[in-house]
PDB file of all heavy atoms in Angstrom:
ATOM      1  N   SER A   1     133.652 193.657  54.730  1.00  0.00           N
ATOM      2  CA  SER A   1     134.490 194.426  55.660  1.00  0.00           C
ATOM      3  C   SER A   1     135.766 193.670  56.020  1.00  0.00           C
ATOM      4  O   SER A   1     136.763 194.280  56.393  1.00  0.00           O
ATOM      5  CB  SER A   1     133.705 194.770  56.922  1.00  0.00           C
ATOM      6  OG  SER A   1     133.375 193.600  57.640  1.00  0.00           O
ATOM      7  N   THR A   2     135.746 192.343  55.884  1.00  0.00           N
ATOM      8  CA  THR A   2     136.923 191.546  56.235  1.00  0.00           C
ATOM      9  C   THR A   2     138.047 191.651  55.197  1.00  0.00           C
ATOM     10  O   THR A   2     139.174 191.274  55.488  1.00  0.00           O
ATOM     11  CB  THR A   2     136.552 190.064  56.414  1.00  0.00           C
ATOM     12  OG1 THR A   2     135.978 189.580  55.206  1.00  0.00           O
ATOM     13  CG2 THR A   2     135.571 189.872  57.556  1.00  0.00           C
ATOM     14  N   VAL A   3     137.758 192.153  53.998  1.00  0.00           N
ATOM     15  CA  VAL A   3     138.794 192.259  52.959  1.00  0.00           C
ATOM     16  C   VAL A   3     139.097 193.702  52.556  1.00  0.00           C
ATOM     17  O   VAL A   3     139.937 193.932  51.701  1.00  0.00           O
ATOM     18  CB  VAL A   3     138.428 191.451  51.697  1.00  0.00           C
ATOM     19  CG1 VAL A   3     138.391 189.983  51.988  1.00  0.00           C
ATOM     20  CG2 VAL A   3     137.150 191.940  51.077  1.00  0.00           C
ATOM     21  N   MET A   4     138.437 194.660  53.148  1.00  0.00           N
ATOM     22  CA  MET A   4     138.679 196.064  52.771  1.00  0.00           C
ATOM     23  C   MET A   4     140.142 196.451  52.923  1.00  0.00           C
ATOM     24  O   MET A   4     140.678 197.178  52.108  1.00  0.00           O
ATOM     25  CB  MET A   4     137.778 196.990  53.569  1.00  0.00           C
ATOM     26  CG  MET A   4     136.366 196.969  53.107  1.00  0.00           C
ATOM     27  SD  MET A   4     135.414 198.270  53.880  1.00  0.00           S
ATOM     28  CE  MET A   4     133.850 198.030  53.086  1.00  0.00           C
ATOM     29  N   ARG A   5     140.803 195.914  53.936  1.00  0.00           N
ATOM     30  CA  ARG A   5     142.220 196.240  54.164  1.00  0.00           C
ATOM     31  C   ARG A   5     143.103 195.759  53.015  1.00  0.00           C
ATOM     32  O   ARG A   5     144.132 196.347  52.723  1.00  0.00           O
ATOM     33  CB  ARG A   5     142.696 195.646  55.484  1.00  0.00           C
ATOM     34  CG  ARG A   5     142.601 194.137  55.523  1.00  0.00           C
ATOM     35  CD  ARG A   5     143.039 193.536  56.848  1.00  0.00           C
ATOM     36  NE  ARG A   5     142.608 192.180  56.994  1.00  0.00           N
ATOM     37  CZ  ARG A   5     143.054 191.147  56.285  1.00  0.00           C
ATOM     38  NH1 ARG A   5     143.963 191.331  55.363  1.00  0.00           N
ATOM     39  NH2 ARG A   5     142.591 189.928  56.503  1.00  0.00           N
ATOM     40  N   LEU A   6     142.694 194.687  52.335  1.00  0.00           N
ATOM     41  CA  LEU A   6     143.478 194.164  51.216  1.00  0.00           C
ATOM     42  C   LEU A   6     143.459 195.109  50.016  1.00  0.00           C
ATOM     43  O   LEU A   6     144.379 195.117  49.211  1.00  0.00           O
ATOM     44  CB  LEU A   6     142.952 192.788  50.785  1.00  0.00           C
ATOM     45  CG  LEU A   6     143.016 191.675  51.824  1.00  0.00           C
ATOM     46  CD1 LEU A   6     142.364 190.417  51.281  1.00  0.00           C
ATOM     47  CD2 LEU A   6     144.453 191.408  52.221  1.00  0.00           C
ATOM     48  N   PHE A   7     142.411 195.900  49.906  1.00  0.00           N
ATOM     49  CA  PHE A   7     142.260 196.815  48.774  1.00  0.00           C
ATOM     50  C   PHE A   7     142.511 198.273  49.165  1.00  0.00           C
ATOM     51  O   PHE A   7     142.120 199.187  48.445  1.00  0.00           O
ATOM     52  CB  PHE A   7     140.851 196.677  48.182  1.00  0.00           C
ATOM     53  CG  PHE A   7     140.601 195.363  47.514  1.00  0.00           C
ATOM     54  CD1 PHE A   7     139.897 194.360  48.157  1.00  0.00           C
ATOM     55  CD2 PHE A   7     141.065 195.119  46.228  1.00  0.00           C
ATOM     56  CE1 PHE A   7     139.650 193.142  47.537  1.00  0.00           C
ATOM     57  CE2 PHE A   7     140.836 193.901  45.596  1.00  0.00           C
ATOM     58  CZ  PHE A   7     140.127 192.922  46.255  1.00  0.00           C
ATOM     59  N   ASP A   8     143.165 198.510  50.295  1.00  0.00           N
ATOM     60  CA  ASP A   8     143.399 199.880  50.775  1.00  0.00           C
ATOM     61  C   ASP A   8     144.101 200.780  49.768  1.00  0.00           C
ATOM     62  O   ASP A   8     143.757 201.944  49.640  1.00  0.00           O
ATOM     63  CB  ASP A   8     144.213 199.862  52.071  1.00  0.00           C
ATOM     64  CG  ASP A   8     143.345 199.683  53.300  1.00  0.00           C
ATOM     65  OD1 ASP A   8     142.115 199.823  53.176  1.00  0.00           O
ATOM     66  OD2 ASP A   8     143.902 199.394  54.365  1.00  0.00           O
ATOM     67  N   ASP A   9     145.084 200.274  49.063  1.00  0.00           N
ATOM     68  CA  ASP A   9     145.881 201.111  48.157  1.00  0.00           C
ATOM     69  C   ASP A   9     145.265 201.256  46.770  1.00  0.00           C
ATOM     70  O   ASP A   9     145.805 201.959  45.931  1.00  0.00           O
ATOM     71  CB  ASP A   9     147.298 200.544  48.026  1.00  0.00           C
ATOM     72  CG  ASP A   9     148.039 200.605  49.352  1.00  0.00           C
ATOM     73  OD1 ASP A   9     147.749 201.498  50.164  1.00  0.00           O
ATOM     74  OD2 ASP A   9     148.910 199.747  49.570  1.00  0.00           O
ATOM     75  N   TRP A  10     144.161 200.573  46.513  1.00  0.00           N
ATOM     76  CA  TRP A  10     143.516 200.641  45.199  1.00  0.00           C
ATOM     77  C   TRP A  10     142.557 201.825  45.159  1.00  0.00           C
ATOM     78  O   TRP A  10     141.836 202.083  46.106  1.00  0.00           O
ATOM     79  CB  TRP A  10     142.724 199.366  44.944  1.00  0.00           C
ATOM     80  CG  TRP A  10     143.559 198.147  44.778  1.00  0.00           C
ATOM     81  CD1 TRP A  10     144.167 197.438  45.766  1.00  0.00           C
ATOM     82  CD2 TRP A  10     143.870 197.493  43.559  1.00  0.00           C
ATOM     83  NE1 TRP A  10     144.838 196.366  45.226  1.00  0.00           N
ATOM     84  CE2 TRP A  10     144.667 196.370  43.869  1.00  0.00           C
ATOM     85  CE3 TRP A  10     143.538 197.731  42.233  1.00  0.00           C
ATOM     86  CZ2 TRP A  10     145.139 195.506  42.905  1.00  0.00           C
ATOM     87  CZ3 TRP A  10     144.011 196.858  41.282  1.00  0.00           C
ATOM     88  CH2 TRP A  10     144.801 195.771  41.613  1.00  0.00           C
ATOM     89  N   GLN A  11     142.544 202.520  44.034  1.00  0.00           N
ATOM     90  CA  GLN A  11     141.593 203.613  43.846  1.00  0.00           C
ATOM     91  C   GLN A  11     140.817 203.368  42.562  1.00  0.00           C
ATOM     92  O   GLN A  11     140.893 204.152  41.614  1.00  0.00           O
ATOM     93  CB  GLN A  11     142.322 204.943  43.827  1.00  0.00           C
ATOM     94  CG  GLN A  11     142.997 205.220  45.147  1.00  0.00           C
ATOM     95  CD  GLN A  11     143.384 206.663  45.296  1.00  0.00           C
ATOM     96  OE1 GLN A  11     143.093 207.494  44.466  1.00  0.00           O
ATOM     97  NE2 GLN A  11     144.041 206.962  46.384  1.00  0.00           N
ATOM     98  N   GLU A  12     140.087 202.274  42.543  1.00  0.00           N
ATOM     99  CA  GLU A  12     139.291 201.862  41.388  1.00  0.00           C
ATOM    100  C   GLU A  12     137.816 201.844  41.768  1.00  0.00           C
ATOM    101  O   GLU A  12     137.430 201.220  42.754  1.00  0.00           O
ATOM    102  CB  GLU A  12     139.704 200.460  40.917  1.00  0.00           C
ATOM    103  CG  GLU A  12     141.100 200.358  40.384  1.00  0.00           C
ATOM    104  CD  GLU A  12     141.257 200.995  39.010  1.00  0.00           C
ATOM    105  OE1 GLU A  12     140.259 201.119  38.280  1.00  0.00           O
ATOM    106  OE2 GLU A  12     142.386 201.386  38.695  1.00  0.00           O
ATOM    107  N   THR A  13     137.009 202.513  40.982  1.00  0.00           N
ATOM    108  CA  THR A  13     135.574 202.550  41.235  1.00  0.00           C
ATOM    109  C   THR A  13     134.957 201.165  41.220  1.00  0.00           C
ATOM    110  O   THR A  13     134.067 200.864  42.021  1.00  0.00           O
ATOM    111  CB  THR A  13     134.878 203.440  40.182  1.00  0.00           C
ATOM    112  OG1 THR A  13     135.492 204.728  40.210  1.00  0.00           O
ATOM    113  CG2 THR A  13     133.409 203.575  40.458  1.00  0.00           C
ATOM    114  N   LEU A  14     135.428 200.295  40.333  1.00  0.00           N
ATOM    115  CA  LEU A  14     134.883 198.946  40.265  1.00  0.00           C
ATOM    116  C   LEU A  14     135.119 198.174  41.564  1.00  0.00           C
ATOM    117  O   LEU A  14     134.260 197.412  42.007  1.00  0.00           O
ATOM    118  CB  LEU A  14     135.479 198.186  39.085  1.00  0.00           C
ATOM    119  CG  LEU A  14     135.094 198.703  37.702  1.00  0.00           C
ATOM    120  CD1 LEU A  14     135.843 197.934  36.617  1.00  0.00           C
ATOM    121  CD2 LEU A  14     133.598 198.600  37.485  1.00  0.00           C
ATOM    122  N   ILE A  15     136.275 198.384  42.185  1.00  0.00           N
ATOM    123  CA  ILE A  15     136.559 197.709  43.448  1.00  0.00           C
ATOM    124  C   ILE A  15     135.654 198.247  44.550  1.00  0.00           C
ATOM    125  O   ILE A  15     135.094 197.483  45.332  1.00  0.00           O
ATOM    126  CB  ILE A  15     138.042 197.863  43.838  1.00  0.00           C
ATOM    127  CG1 ILE A  15     138.908 197.115  42.832  1.00  0.00           C
ATOM    128  CG2 ILE A  15     138.293 197.345  45.252  1.00  0.00           C
ATOM    129  CD1 ILE A  15     140.384 197.321  43.001  1.00  0.00           C
ATOM    130  N   TYR A  16     135.487 199.565  44.594  1.00  0.00           N
ATOM    131  CA  TYR A  16     134.593 200.156  45.593  1.00  0.00           C
ATOM    132  C   TYR A  16     133.175 199.622  45.437  1.00  0.00           C
ATOM    133  O   TYR A  16     132.484 199.372  46.411  1.00  0.00           O
ATOM    134  CB  TYR A  16     134.577 201.679  45.497  1.00  0.00           C
ATOM    135  CG  TYR A  16     135.895 202.338  45.836  1.00  0.00           C
ATOM    136  CD1 TYR A  16     136.340 203.433  45.130  1.00  0.00           C
ATOM    137  CD2 TYR A  16     136.695 201.867  46.872  1.00  0.00           C
ATOM    138  CE1 TYR A  16     137.547 204.046  45.436  1.00  0.00           C
ATOM    139  CE2 TYR A  16     137.906 202.470  47.181  1.00  0.00           C
ATOM    140  CZ  TYR A  16     138.318 203.562  46.467  1.00  0.00           C
ATOM    141  OH  TYR A  16     139.504 204.168  46.768  1.00  0.00           O
ATOM    142  N   SER A  17     132.738 199.432  44.198  1.00  0.00           N
ATOM    143  CA  SER A  17     131.395 198.895  43.943  1.00  0.00           C
ATOM    144  C   SER A  17     131.251 197.494  44.512  1.00  0.00           C
ATOM    145  O   SER A  17     130.214 197.149  45.083  1.00  0.00           O
ATOM    146  CB  SER A  17     131.110 198.872  42.449  1.00  0.00           C
ATOM    147  OG  SER A  17     131.098 200.173  41.927  1.00  0.00           O
ATOM    148  N   CYS A  18     132.282 196.681  44.364  1.00  0.00           N
ATOM    149  CA  CYS A  18     132.255 195.323  44.924  1.00  0.00           C
ATOM    150  C   CYS A  18     132.249 195.358  46.443  1.00  0.00           C
ATOM    151  O   CYS A  18     131.473 194.641  47.082  1.00  0.00           O
ATOM    152  CB  CYS A  18     133.463 194.529  44.454  1.00  0.00           C
ATOM    153  SG  CYS A  18     133.442 194.086  42.734  1.00  0.00           S
ATOM    154  N   LEU A  19     133.110 196.177  47.026  1.00  0.00           N
ATOM    155  CA  LEU A  19     133.213 196.243  48.478  1.00  0.00           C
ATOM    156  C   LEU A  19     131.951 196.794  49.125  1.00  0.00           C
ATOM    157  O   LEU A  19     131.611 196.443  50.253  1.00  0.00           O
ATOM    158  CB  LEU A  19     134.430 197.086  48.885  1.00  0.00           C
ATOM    159  CG  LEU A  19     135.788 196.498  48.520  1.00  0.00           C
ATOM    160  CD1 LEU A  19     136.894 197.474  48.863  1.00  0.00           C
ATOM    161  CD2 LEU A  19     136.010 195.165  49.202  1.00  0.00           C
ATOM    162  N   GLN A  20     131.244 197.656  48.414  1.00  0.00           N
ATOM    163  CA  GLN A  20     129.996 198.220  48.930  1.00  0.00           C
ATOM    164  C   GLN A  20     128.789 197.350  48.553  1.00  0.00           C
ATOM    165  O   GLN A  20     127.659 197.716  48.851  1.00  0.00           O
ATOM    166  CB  GLN A  20     129.805 199.638  48.412  1.00  0.00           C
ATOM    167  CG  GLN A  20     130.857 200.589  48.908  1.00  0.00           C
ATOM    168  CD  GLN A  20     130.823 201.930  48.188  1.00  0.00           C
ATOM    169  OE1 GLN A  20     130.080 202.141  47.241  1.00  0.00           O
ATOM    170  NE2 GLN A  20     131.648 202.846  48.653  1.00  0.00           N
ATOM    171  N   THR A  21     129.029 196.239  47.893  1.00  0.00           N
ATOM    172  CA  THR A  21     128.013 195.288  47.421  1.00  0.00           C
ATOM    173  C   THR A  21     126.957 195.935  46.534  1.00  0.00           C
ATOM    174  O   THR A  21     125.811 195.506  46.506  1.00  0.00           O
ATOM    175  CB  THR A  21     127.337 194.519  48.590  1.00  0.00           C
ATOM    176  OG1 THR A  21     126.597 195.424  49.400  1.00  0.00           O
ATOM    177  CG2 THR A  21     128.369 193.769  49.415  1.00  0.00           C
ATOM    178  N   VAL A  22     127.368 196.957  45.801  1.00  0.00           N
ATOM    179  CA  VAL A  22     126.468 197.629  44.853  1.00  0.00           C
ATOM    180  C   VAL A  22     126.447 196.870  43.539  1.00  0.00           C
ATOM    181  O   VAL A  22     125.400 196.674  42.927  1.00  0.00           O
ATOM    182  CB  VAL A  22     126.930 199.088  44.612  1.00  0.00           C
ATOM    183  CG1 VAL A  22     126.137 199.747  43.520  1.00  0.00           C
ATOM    184  CG2 VAL A  22     126.868 199.876  45.898  1.00  0.00           C
ATOM    185  N   MET A  23     127.629 196.435  43.118  1.00  0.00           N
ATOM    186  CA  MET A  23     127.770 195.767  41.825  1.00  0.00           C
ATOM    187  C   MET A  23     128.981 194.838  41.927  1.00  0.00           C
ATOM    188  O   MET A  23     129.987 195.191  42.520  1.00  0.00           O
ATOM    189  CB  MET A  23     127.993 196.832  40.750  1.00  0.00           C
ATOM    190  CG  MET A  23     128.197 196.329  39.361  1.00  0.00           C
ATOM    191  SD  MET A  23     128.245 197.681  38.158  1.00  0.00           S
ATOM    192  CE  MET A  23     129.660 198.625  38.682  1.00  0.00           C
ATOM    193  N   GLY A  24     128.887 193.661  41.365  1.00  0.00           N
ATOM    194  CA  GLY A  24     129.993 192.717  41.396  1.00  0.00           C
ATOM    195  C   GLY A  24     130.009 191.884  42.658  1.00  0.00           C
ATOM    196  O   GLY A  24     129.112 191.977  43.500  1.00  0.00           O
ATOM    197  N   LYS A  25     131.045 191.068  42.778  1.00  0.00           N
ATOM    198  CA  LYS A  25     131.185 190.165  43.920  1.00  0.00           C
ATOM    199  C   LYS A  25     132.639 190.117  44.368  1.00  0.00           C
ATOM    200  O   LYS A  25     133.542 190.439  43.604  1.00  0.00           O
ATOM    201  CB  LYS A  25     130.747 188.755  43.543  1.00  0.00           C
ATOM    202  CG  LYS A  25     129.273 188.641  43.224  1.00  0.00           C
ATOM    203  CD  LYS A  25     128.909 187.197  42.990  1.00  0.00           C
ATOM    204  CE  LYS A  25     127.442 187.087  42.698  1.00  0.00           C
ATOM    205  NZ  LYS A  25     126.664 186.768  43.864  1.00  0.00           N
ATOM    206  N   VAL A  26     132.831 189.698  45.586  1.00  0.00           N
ATOM    207  CA  VAL A  26     134.165 189.481  46.133  1.00  0.00           C
ATOM    208  C   VAL A  26     134.276 187.994  46.475  1.00  0.00           C
ATOM    209  O   VAL A  26     133.399 187.437  47.136  1.00  0.00           O
ATOM    210  CB  VAL A  26     134.425 190.336  47.386  1.00  0.00           C
ATOM    211  CG1 VAL A  26     135.784 190.011  47.987  1.00  0.00           C
ATOM    212  CG2 VAL A  26     134.342 191.821  47.047  1.00  0.00           C
ATOM    213  N   PHE A  27     135.353 187.373  46.010  1.00  0.00           N
ATOM    214  CA  PHE A  27     135.603 185.960  46.267  1.00  0.00           C
ATOM    215  C   PHE A  27     136.864 185.811  47.097  1.00  0.00           C
ATOM    216  O   PHE A  27     137.831 186.544  46.902  1.00  0.00           O
ATOM    217  CB  PHE A  27     135.760 185.197  44.948  1.00  0.00           C
ATOM    218  CG  PHE A  27     134.528 185.229  44.089  1.00  0.00           C
ATOM    219  CD1 PHE A  27     134.416 186.142  43.061  1.00  0.00           C
ATOM    220  CD2 PHE A  27     133.489 184.348  44.317  1.00  0.00           C
ATOM    221  CE1 PHE A  27     133.283 186.179  42.260  1.00  0.00           C
ATOM    222  CE2 PHE A  27     132.357 184.372  43.525  1.00  0.00           C
ATOM    223  CZ  PHE A  27     132.247 185.288  42.500  1.00  0.00           C
ATOM    224  N   VAL A  28     136.852 184.861  48.015  1.00  0.00           N
ATOM    225  CA  VAL A  28     138.007 184.572  48.886  1.00  0.00           C
ATOM    226  C   VAL A  28     138.192 183.068  48.990  1.00  0.00           C
ATOM    227  O   VAL A  28     137.286 182.302  48.677  1.00  0.00           O
ATOM    228  CB  VAL A  28     137.812 185.176  50.294  1.00  0.00           C
ATOM    229  CG1 VAL A  28     137.782 186.686  50.251  1.00  0.00           C
ATOM    230  CG2 VAL A  28     136.563 184.643  50.952  1.00  0.00           C
ATOM    231  N   THR A  29     139.362 182.654  49.447  1.00  0.00           N
ATOM    232  CA  THR A  29     139.610 181.229  49.640  1.00  0.00           C
ATOM    233  C   THR A  29     139.376 180.797  51.085  1.00  0.00           C
ATOM    234  O   THR A  29     139.234 179.618  51.358  1.00  0.00           O
ATOM    235  CB  THR A  29     141.047 180.856  49.232  1.00  0.00           C
ATOM    236  OG1 THR A  29     141.959 181.702  49.916  1.00  0.00           O
ATOM    237  CG2 THR A  29     141.222 181.000  47.733  1.00  0.00           C
ATOM    238  N   LYS A  30     139.354 181.762  52.009  1.00  0.00           N
ATOM    239  CA  LYS A  30     139.041 181.488  53.410  1.00  0.00           C
ATOM    240  C   LYS A  30     137.980 182.490  53.830  1.00  0.00           C
ATOM    241  O   LYS A  30     138.198 183.692  53.733  1.00  0.00           O
ATOM    242  CB  LYS A  30     140.274 181.652  54.292  1.00  0.00           C
ATOM    243  CG  LYS A  30     141.329 180.586  54.099  1.00  0.00           C
ATOM    244  CD  LYS A  30     142.581 180.887  54.881  1.00  0.00           C
ATOM    245  CE  LYS A  30     142.332 180.932  56.356  1.00  0.00           C
ATOM    246  NZ  LYS A  30     143.552 181.211  57.124  1.00  0.00           N
ATOM    247  N   SER A  31     136.849 182.018  54.298  1.00  0.00           N
ATOM    248  CA  SER A  31     135.777 182.934  54.662  1.00  0.00           C
ATOM    249  C   SER A  31     136.056 183.691  55.963  1.00  0.00           C
ATOM    250  O   SER A  31     135.568 184.796  56.149  1.00  0.00           O
ATOM    251  CB  SER A  31     134.439 182.204  54.748  1.00  0.00           C
ATOM    252  OG  SER A  31     134.524 181.135  55.646  1.00  0.00           O
ATOM    253  N   ASN A  32     136.838 183.103  56.858  1.00  0.00           N
ATOM    254  CA  ASN A  32     137.209 183.814  58.082  1.00  0.00           C
ATOM    255  C   ASN A  32     138.676 184.229  57.991  1.00  0.00           C
ATOM    256  O   ASN A  32     139.535 183.423  57.697  1.00  0.00           O
ATOM    257  CB  ASN A  32     136.963 182.950  59.321  1.00  0.00           C
ATOM    258  CG  ASN A  32     137.686 181.633  59.271  1.00  0.00           C
ATOM    259  OD1 ASN A  32     138.096 181.186  58.209  1.00  0.00           O
ATOM    260  ND2 ASN A  32     137.853 181.010  60.411  1.00  0.00           N
ATOM    261  N   ASN A  33     138.930 185.501  58.195  1.00  0.00           N
ATOM    262  CA  ASN A  33     140.269 186.084  58.113  1.00  0.00           C
ATOM    263  C   ASN A  33     140.955 185.803  56.769  1.00  0.00           C
ATOM    264  O   ASN A  33     142.028 185.190  56.720  1.00  0.00           O
ATOM    265  CB  ASN A  33     141.137 185.603  59.271  1.00  0.00           C
ATOM    266  CG  ASN A  33     142.392 186.423  59.414  1.00  0.00           C
ATOM    267  OD1 ASN A  33     142.463 187.561  58.951  1.00  0.00           O
ATOM    268  ND2 ASN A  33     143.394 185.858  60.044  1.00  0.00           N
ATOM    269  N   PRO A  34     140.364 186.248  55.660  1.00  0.00           N
ATOM    270  CA  PRO A  34     140.958 185.999  54.339  1.00  0.00           C
ATOM    271  C   PRO A  34     142.277 186.745  54.145  1.00  0.00           C
ATOM    272  O   PRO A  34     142.436 187.870  54.608  1.00  0.00           O
ATOM    273  CB  PRO A  34     139.896 186.498  53.367  1.00  0.00           C
ATOM    274  CG  PRO A  34     139.018 187.393  54.149  1.00  0.00           C
ATOM    275  CD  PRO A  34     139.122 186.996  55.577  1.00  0.00           C
ATOM    276  N   LYS A  35     143.210 186.086  53.475  1.00  0.00           N
ATOM    277  CA  LYS A  35     144.522 186.672  53.173  1.00  0.00           C
ATOM    278  C   LYS A  35     144.625 187.120  51.720  1.00  0.00           C
ATOM    279  O   LYS A  35     145.540 187.830  51.342  1.00  0.00           O
ATOM    280  CB  LYS A  35     145.624 185.651  53.463  1.00  0.00           C
ATOM    281  CG  LYS A  35     145.625 185.132  54.865  1.00  0.00           C
ATOM    282  CD  LYS A  35     146.380 186.043  55.771  1.00  0.00           C
ATOM    283  CE  LYS A  35     146.531 185.406  57.134  1.00  0.00           C
ATOM    284  NZ  LYS A  35     146.070 186.203  58.203  1.00  0.00           N
ATOM    285  N   SER A  36     143.693 186.674  50.874  1.00  0.00           N
ATOM    286  CA  SER A  36     143.669 187.078  49.470  1.00  0.00           C
ATOM    287  C   SER A  36     142.216 187.172  49.017  1.00  0.00           C
ATOM    288  O   SER A  36     141.333 186.549  49.601  1.00  0.00           O
ATOM    289  CB  SER A  36     144.447 186.091  48.604  1.00  0.00           C
ATOM    290  OG  SER A  36     143.923 184.798  48.748  1.00  0.00           O
ATOM    291  N   ALA A  37     141.999 188.007  47.990  1.00  0.00           N
ATOM    292  CA  ALA A  37     140.627 188.208  47.525  1.00  0.00           C
ATOM    293  C   ALA A  37     140.616 188.556  46.041  1.00  0.00           C
ATOM    294  O   ALA A  37     141.606 189.044  45.489  1.00  0.00           O
ATOM    295  CB  ALA A  37     139.966 189.329  48.320  1.00  0.00           C
ATOM    296  N   LEU A  38     139.472 188.323  45.424  1.00  0.00           N
ATOM    297  CA  LEU A  38     139.225 188.686  44.039  1.00  0.00           C
ATOM    298  C   LEU A  38     137.960 189.522  43.993  1.00  0.00           C
ATOM    299  O   LEU A  38     136.891 189.047  44.382  1.00  0.00           O
ATOM    300  CB  LEU A  38     139.048 187.434  43.172  1.00  0.00           C
ATOM    301  CG  LEU A  38     138.458 187.637  41.771  1.00  0.00           C
ATOM    302  CD1 LEU A  38     139.395 188.441  40.891  1.00  0.00           C
ATOM    303  CD2 LEU A  38     138.138 186.303  41.134  1.00  0.00           C
ATOM    304  N   ALA A  39     138.080 190.775  43.578  1.00  0.00           N
ATOM    305  CA  ALA A  39     136.917 191.624  43.344  1.00  0.00           C
ATOM    306  C   ALA A  39     136.581 191.479  41.865  1.00  0.00           C
ATOM    307  O   ALA A  39     137.419 191.760  41.003  1.00  0.00           O
ATOM    308  CB  ALA A  39     137.233 193.073  43.691  1.00  0.00           C
ATOM    309  N   PHE A  40     135.370 191.023  41.566  1.00  0.00           N
ATOM    310  CA  PHE A  40     135.006 190.674  40.196  1.00  0.00           C
ATOM    311  C   PHE A  40     133.741 191.404  39.769  1.00  0.00           C
ATOM    312  O   PHE A  40     132.704 191.306  40.426  1.00  0.00           O
ATOM    313  CB  PHE A  40     134.796 189.158  40.102  1.00  0.00           C
ATOM    314  CG  PHE A  40     134.618 188.669  38.702  1.00  0.00           C
ATOM    315  CD1 PHE A  40     135.710 188.531  37.871  1.00  0.00           C
ATOM    316  CD2 PHE A  40     133.365 188.362  38.225  1.00  0.00           C
ATOM    317  CE1 PHE A  40     135.548 188.080  36.570  1.00  0.00           C
ATOM    318  CE2 PHE A  40     133.187 187.909  36.934  1.00  0.00           C
ATOM    319  CZ  PHE A  40     134.283 187.767  36.102  1.00  0.00           C
ATOM    320  N   VAL A  41     133.851 192.155  38.660  1.00  0.00           N
ATOM    321  CA  VAL A  41     132.712 192.860  38.076  1.00  0.00           C
ATOM    322  C   VAL A  41     132.722 192.600  36.582  1.00  0.00           C
ATOM    323  O   VAL A  41     133.696 192.907  35.895  1.00  0.00           O
ATOM    324  CB  VAL A  41     132.800 194.389  38.311  1.00  0.00           C
ATOM    325  CG1 VAL A  41     131.632 195.102  37.670  1.00  0.00           C
ATOM    326  CG2 VAL A  41     132.872 194.712  39.782  1.00  0.00           C
ATOM    327  N   ASP A  42     131.634 192.019  36.070  1.00  0.00           N
ATOM    328  CA  ASP A  42     131.465 191.737  34.645  1.00  0.00           C
ATOM    329  C   ASP A  42     132.642 190.910  34.132  1.00  0.00           C
ATOM    330  O   ASP A  42     132.714 189.736  34.393  1.00  0.00           O
ATOM    331  CB  ASP A  42     131.280 193.031  33.871  1.00  0.00           C
ATOM    332  CG  ASP A  42     130.781 192.792  32.456  1.00  0.00           C
ATOM    333  OD1 ASP A  42     130.098 191.783  32.232  1.00  0.00           O
ATOM    334  OD2 ASP A  42     131.081 193.614  31.581  1.00  0.00           O
ATOM    335  N   CYS A  43     133.570 191.510  33.403  1.00  0.00           N
ATOM    336  CA  CYS A  43     134.728 190.765  32.895  1.00  0.00           C
ATOM    337  C   CYS A  43     136.040 191.303  33.482  1.00  0.00           C
ATOM    338  O   CYS A  43     137.116 191.007  32.991  1.00  0.00           O
ATOM    339  CB  CYS A  43     134.767 190.802  31.372  1.00  0.00           C
ATOM    340  SG  CYS A  43     134.946 192.444  30.693  1.00  0.00           S
ATOM    341  N   PHE A  44     135.945 192.083  34.558  1.00  0.00           N
ATOM    342  CA  PHE A  44     137.123 192.644  35.207  1.00  0.00           C
ATOM    343  C   PHE A  44     137.333 191.980  36.555  1.00  0.00           C
ATOM    344  O   PHE A  44     136.398 191.851  37.344  1.00  0.00           O
ATOM    345  CB  PHE A  44     136.971 194.157  35.408  1.00  0.00           C
ATOM    346  CG  PHE A  44     136.849 194.923  34.136  1.00  0.00           C
ATOM    347  CD1 PHE A  44     135.596 195.303  33.668  1.00  0.00           C
ATOM    348  CD2 PHE A  44     137.965 195.256  33.395  1.00  0.00           C
ATOM    349  CE1 PHE A  44     135.468 195.999  32.472  1.00  0.00           C
ATOM    350  CE2 PHE A  44     137.854 195.959  32.215  1.00  0.00           C
ATOM    351  CZ  PHE A  44     136.603 196.337  31.756  1.00  0.00           C
ATOM    352  N   GLY A  45     138.571 191.583  36.820  1.00  0.00           N
ATOM    353  CA  GLY A  45     138.912 190.983  38.101  1.00  0.00           C
ATOM    354  C   GLY A  45     140.128 191.660  38.702  1.00  0.00           C
ATOM    355  O   GLY A  45     141.094 191.951  37.984  1.00  0.00           O
ATOM    356  N   PHE A  46     140.072 191.940  39.981  1.00  0.00           N
ATOM    357  CA  PHE A  46     141.181 192.590  40.678  1.00  0.00           C
ATOM    358  C   PHE A  46     141.584 191.704  41.846  1.00  0.00           C
ATOM    359  O   PHE A  46     140.796 191.456  42.746  1.00  0.00           O
ATOM    360  CB  PHE A  46     140.743 193.967  41.204  1.00  0.00           C
ATOM    361  CG  PHE A  46     140.289 194.904  40.129  1.00  0.00           C
ATOM    362  CD1 PHE A  46     138.949 194.958  39.757  1.00  0.00           C
ATOM    363  CD2 PHE A  46     141.190 195.727  39.482  1.00  0.00           C
ATOM    364  CE1 PHE A  46     138.522 195.820  38.769  1.00  0.00           C
ATOM    365  CE2 PHE A  46     140.772 196.602  38.491  1.00  0.00           C
ATOM    366  CZ  PHE A  46     139.434 196.647  38.122  1.00  0.00           C
TER     367      PHE A  46
END
């Protein structure tokens, strides 16, 4: 929920899967109040 705002303008199913923790992972450099993020599924990164 802390990074959903970073992906507001994206309309990619793979990103939604990461944000909903269904499939893939989200990586950040700061765990509290992250300013950047990587949504990663299989071999795709956003």
